[in-house]
Amino acid sequence: MKTEIHTLRMWLIFENERSLIVADAAKNARREFCLPRSLIDRMTKFPKPDEPLTYRPIEFTLPGWKVESAGLWEFVVS
């Protein structure tokens, strides 16, 4: 059985070799999520906006089961 993969657009707050912390908004985020890097096949980082205290926009892939379990459908772009 093939796992469905989705691309999401969110905002990067912090990253290390094992995980990412992403947010639902560029600043003043209401929700933050910690995602394991082991689930991410592809990630693209875009230039950070010039506004102070603004997070960096990113696109990344996640398996469908993780999108479902974390409630991330609103961030799926494909």
N, C-alpha and C. Protein backbone atom coordinates (compact mmCIF):
# COMPACT_ATOMS: atom_id res chain seq x y z
N MET A 1 0.84 -1.19 0.00
CA MET A 1 0.00 0.00 0.00
C MET A 1 0.89 1.25 0.00
N LYS A 2 0.62 2.18 -0.92
CA LYS A 2 1.42 3.39 -1.04
C LYS A 2 0.88 4.48 -0.12
N THR A 3 1.78 5.14 0.57
CA THR A 3 1.40 6.24 1.46
C THR A 3 1.22 7.51 0.65
N GLU A 4 0.13 8.20 0.87
CA GLU A 4 -0.14 9.46 0.19
C GLU A 4 0.74 10.56 0.80
N ILE A 5 1.41 11.34 -0.05
CA ILE A 5 2.29 12.43 0.40
C ILE A 5 1.68 13.76 0.00
N HIS A 6 1.70 14.72 0.91
CA HIS A 6 1.15 16.05 0.67
C HIS A 6 2.22 17.12 0.86
N THR A 7 2.09 18.22 0.13
CA THR A 7 2.96 19.38 0.30
C THR A 7 2.21 20.42 1.12
N LEU A 8 2.88 20.96 2.13
CA LEU A 8 2.30 21.96 3.01
C LEU A 8 3.10 23.24 2.97
N ARG A 9 2.44 24.37 3.21
CA ARG A 9 3.09 25.68 3.37
C ARG A 9 2.83 26.16 4.78
N MET A 10 3.93 26.43 5.50
CA MET A 10 3.81 26.94 6.88
C MET A 10 4.97 27.89 7.14
N TRP A 11 5.19 28.20 8.39
CA TRP A 11 6.23 29.15 8.80
C TRP A 11 7.18 28.46 9.77
N LEU A 12 8.48 28.54 9.48
CA LEU A 12 9.50 27.89 10.29
C LEU A 12 9.89 28.76 11.47
N ILE A 13 9.76 28.21 12.68
CA ILE A 13 10.17 28.92 13.89
C ILE A 13 11.57 28.49 14.31
N PHE A 14 11.79 27.17 14.30
CA PHE A 14 13.06 26.61 14.78
C PHE A 14 13.28 25.26 14.12
N GLU A 15 14.55 24.89 13.95
CA GLU A 15 14.86 23.55 13.44
C GLU A 15 16.15 23.04 14.05
N ASN A 16 16.25 21.73 14.16
CA ASN A 16 17.50 21.08 14.49
C ASN A 16 17.58 19.81 13.66
N GLU A 17 18.55 18.96 13.92
CA GLU A 17 18.74 17.78 13.07
C GLU A 17 17.62 16.75 13.20
N ARG A 18 16.80 16.83 14.24
CA ARG A 18 15.75 15.83 14.45
C ARG A 18 14.33 16.33 14.23
N SER A 19 14.11 17.65 14.30
CA SER A 19 12.74 18.13 14.21
C SER A 19 12.65 19.58 13.71
N LEU A 20 11.43 19.96 13.37
CA LEU A 20 11.08 21.33 12.99
C LEU A 20 9.97 21.80 13.91
N ILE A 21 9.99 23.07 14.24
CA ILE A 21 8.85 23.68 14.90
C ILE A 21 8.31 24.69 13.91
N VAL A 22 7.06 24.50 13.52
CA VAL A 22 6.42 25.34 12.52
C VAL A 22 5.18 26.00 13.11
N ALA A 23 4.75 27.08 12.44
CA ALA A 23 3.61 27.86 12.94
C ALA A 23 2.59 28.07 11.84
N ASP A 24 1.40 28.49 12.26
CA ASP A 24 0.30 28.74 11.33
C ASP A 24 0.30 30.14 10.74
N ALA A 25 1.20 31.02 11.20
CA ALA A 25 1.24 32.40 10.71
C ALA A 25 2.67 32.92 10.75
N ALA A 26 2.92 33.99 9.99
CA ALA A 26 4.26 34.57 9.90
C ALA A 26 4.72 35.18 11.22
N LYS A 27 3.79 35.70 11.97
CA LYS A 27 4.08 36.21 13.31
C LYS A 27 2.81 36.18 14.14
N ASN A 28 2.96 36.26 15.43
CA ASN A 28 1.82 36.14 16.35
C ASN A 28 1.03 34.86 16.08
N ALA A 29 1.74 33.77 15.91
CA ALA A 29 1.09 32.48 15.61
C ALA A 29 0.18 32.04 16.75
N ARG A 30 -0.95 31.47 16.39
CA ARG A 30 -1.87 30.94 17.38
C ARG A 30 -1.59 29.47 17.65
N ARG A 31 -1.02 28.78 16.64
CA ARG A 31 -0.72 27.35 16.80
C ARG A 31 0.69 27.06 16.33
N GLU A 32 1.38 26.20 17.07
CA GLU A 32 2.71 25.73 16.70
C GLU A 32 2.71 24.21 16.71
N PHE A 33 3.53 23.62 15.84
CA PHE A 33 3.59 22.18 15.70
C PHE A 33 5.05 21.73 15.68
N CYS A 34 5.35 20.64 16.35
CA CYS A 34 6.67 20.04 16.30
C CYS A 34 6.57 18.82 15.39
N LEU A 35 7.37 18.79 14.32
CA LEU A 35 7.31 17.71 13.34
C LEU A 35 8.67 17.03 13.24
N PRO A 36 8.69 15.69 13.24
CA PRO A 36 9.96 14.98 13.10
C PRO A 36 10.49 15.07 11.68
N ARG A 37 11.77 15.34 11.54
CA ARG A 37 12.40 15.40 10.21
C ARG A 37 12.32 14.07 9.48
N SER A 38 12.24 12.99 10.19
CA SER A 38 12.20 11.67 9.56
C SER A 38 10.97 11.50 8.67
N LEU A 39 9.93 12.30 8.87
CA LEU A 39 8.72 12.22 8.04
C LEU A 39 8.75 13.15 6.84
N ILE A 40 9.74 14.05 6.79
CA ILE A 40 9.80 15.07 5.74
C ILE A 40 10.76 14.62 4.65
N ASP A 41 10.24 14.42 3.43
CA ASP A 41 11.07 14.02 2.31
C ASP A 41 11.72 15.22 1.62
N ARG A 42 10.98 16.30 1.52
CA ARG A 42 11.46 17.48 0.79
C ARG A 42 11.06 18.73 1.55
N MET A 43 11.99 19.71 1.59
CA MET A 43 11.69 20.97 2.24
C MET A 43 12.35 22.09 1.45
N THR A 44 11.60 23.16 1.21
CA THR A 44 12.10 24.35 0.53
C THR A 44 11.94 25.52 1.48
N LYS A 45 13.04 26.24 1.71
CA LYS A 45 13.00 27.44 2.55
C LYS A 45 13.01 28.66 1.64
N PHE A 46 12.15 29.60 1.92
CA PHE A 46 12.07 30.84 1.16
C PHE A 46 12.70 31.97 1.97
N PRO A 47 13.10 33.06 1.31
CA PRO A 47 13.71 34.17 2.05
C PRO A 47 12.79 34.70 3.14
N LYS A 48 13.38 35.00 4.27
CA LYS A 48 12.62 35.53 5.39
C LYS A 48 12.18 36.96 5.09
N PRO A 49 10.94 37.32 5.39
CA PRO A 49 10.50 38.70 5.18
C PRO A 49 11.35 39.68 5.99
N ASP A 50 11.43 40.90 5.53
CA ASP A 50 12.24 41.92 6.20
C ASP A 50 11.62 42.44 7.50
N GLU A 51 10.42 42.06 7.79
CA GLU A 51 9.76 42.52 9.01
C GLU A 51 10.41 41.87 10.24
N PRO A 52 10.60 42.62 11.30
CA PRO A 52 11.15 42.03 12.53
C PRO A 52 10.16 41.03 13.15
N LEU A 53 10.70 40.05 13.83
CA LEU A 53 9.92 39.02 14.53
C LEU A 53 9.00 38.23 13.61
N THR A 54 9.43 38.04 12.38
CA THR A 54 8.65 37.28 11.40
C THR A 54 9.34 35.95 11.15
N TYR A 55 8.56 34.88 11.05
CA TYR A 55 9.11 33.55 10.79
C TYR A 55 9.39 33.36 9.30
N ARG A 56 10.19 32.36 8.97
CA ARG A 56 10.58 32.08 7.59
C ARG A 56 9.55 31.17 6.92
N PRO A 57 9.07 31.52 5.71
CA PRO A 57 8.12 30.64 5.01
C PRO A 57 8.83 29.41 4.46
N ILE A 58 8.16 28.26 4.55
CA ILE A 58 8.70 27.00 4.02
C ILE A 58 7.59 26.19 3.37
N GLU A 59 7.99 25.29 2.49
CA GLU A 59 7.13 24.24 1.94
C GLU A 59 7.81 22.92 2.25
N PHE A 60 7.03 21.93 2.62
CA PHE A 60 7.60 20.63 2.94
C PHE A 60 6.56 19.55 2.69
N THR A 61 7.02 18.32 2.62
CA THR A 61 6.12 17.19 2.41
C THR A 61 5.93 16.41 3.71
N LEU A 62 4.73 15.85 3.83
CA LEU A 62 4.39 14.98 4.96
C LEU A 62 3.47 13.88 4.47
N PRO A 63 3.54 12.70 5.08
CA PRO A 63 2.58 11.65 4.73
C PRO A 63 1.17 12.03 5.18
N GLY A 64 0.20 11.55 4.44
CA GLY A 64 -1.20 11.87 4.72
C GLY A 64 -1.64 11.53 6.13
N TRP A 65 -1.16 10.41 6.68
CA TRP A 65 -1.57 10.03 8.04
C TRP A 65 -1.12 11.05 9.07
N LYS A 66 0.06 11.69 8.86
CA LYS A 66 0.54 12.70 9.81
C LYS A 66 -0.24 13.99 9.65
N VAL A 67 -0.56 14.35 8.41
CA VAL A 67 -1.40 15.54 8.17
C VAL A 67 -2.73 15.37 8.90
N GLU A 68 -3.31 14.19 8.79
CA GLU A 68 -4.59 13.90 9.45
C GLU A 68 -4.46 13.93 10.96
N SER A 69 -3.47 13.24 11.51
CA SER A 69 -3.35 13.13 12.97
C SER A 69 -2.99 14.47 13.62
N ALA A 70 -2.28 15.34 12.92
CA ALA A 70 -1.90 16.64 13.47
C ALA A 70 -2.90 17.74 13.12
N GLY A 71 -3.88 17.44 12.28
CA GLY A 71 -4.88 18.43 11.89
C GLY A 71 -4.31 19.56 11.05
N LEU A 72 -3.50 19.19 10.04
CA LEU A 72 -2.80 20.17 9.23
C LEU A 72 -3.41 20.37 7.84
N TRP A 73 -4.62 19.91 7.58
CA TRP A 73 -5.21 19.97 6.24
C TRP A 73 -5.28 21.39 5.68
N GLU A 74 -5.48 22.38 6.53
CA GLU A 74 -5.60 23.77 6.04
C GLU A 74 -4.31 24.29 5.43
N PHE A 75 -3.18 23.61 5.66
CA PHE A 75 -1.88 24.05 5.14
C PHE A 75 -1.45 23.27 3.90
N VAL A 76 -2.24 22.29 3.48
CA VAL A 76 -1.91 21.46 2.33
C VAL A 76 -2.14 22.25 1.05
N VAL A 77 -1.14 22.21 0.14
CA VAL A 77 -1.26 22.91 -1.14
C VAL A 77 -1.37 21.93 -2.30
N SER A 78 -0.96 20.69 -2.10
CA SER A 78 -1.14 19.68 -3.16
C SER A 78 -1.03 18.29 -2.58
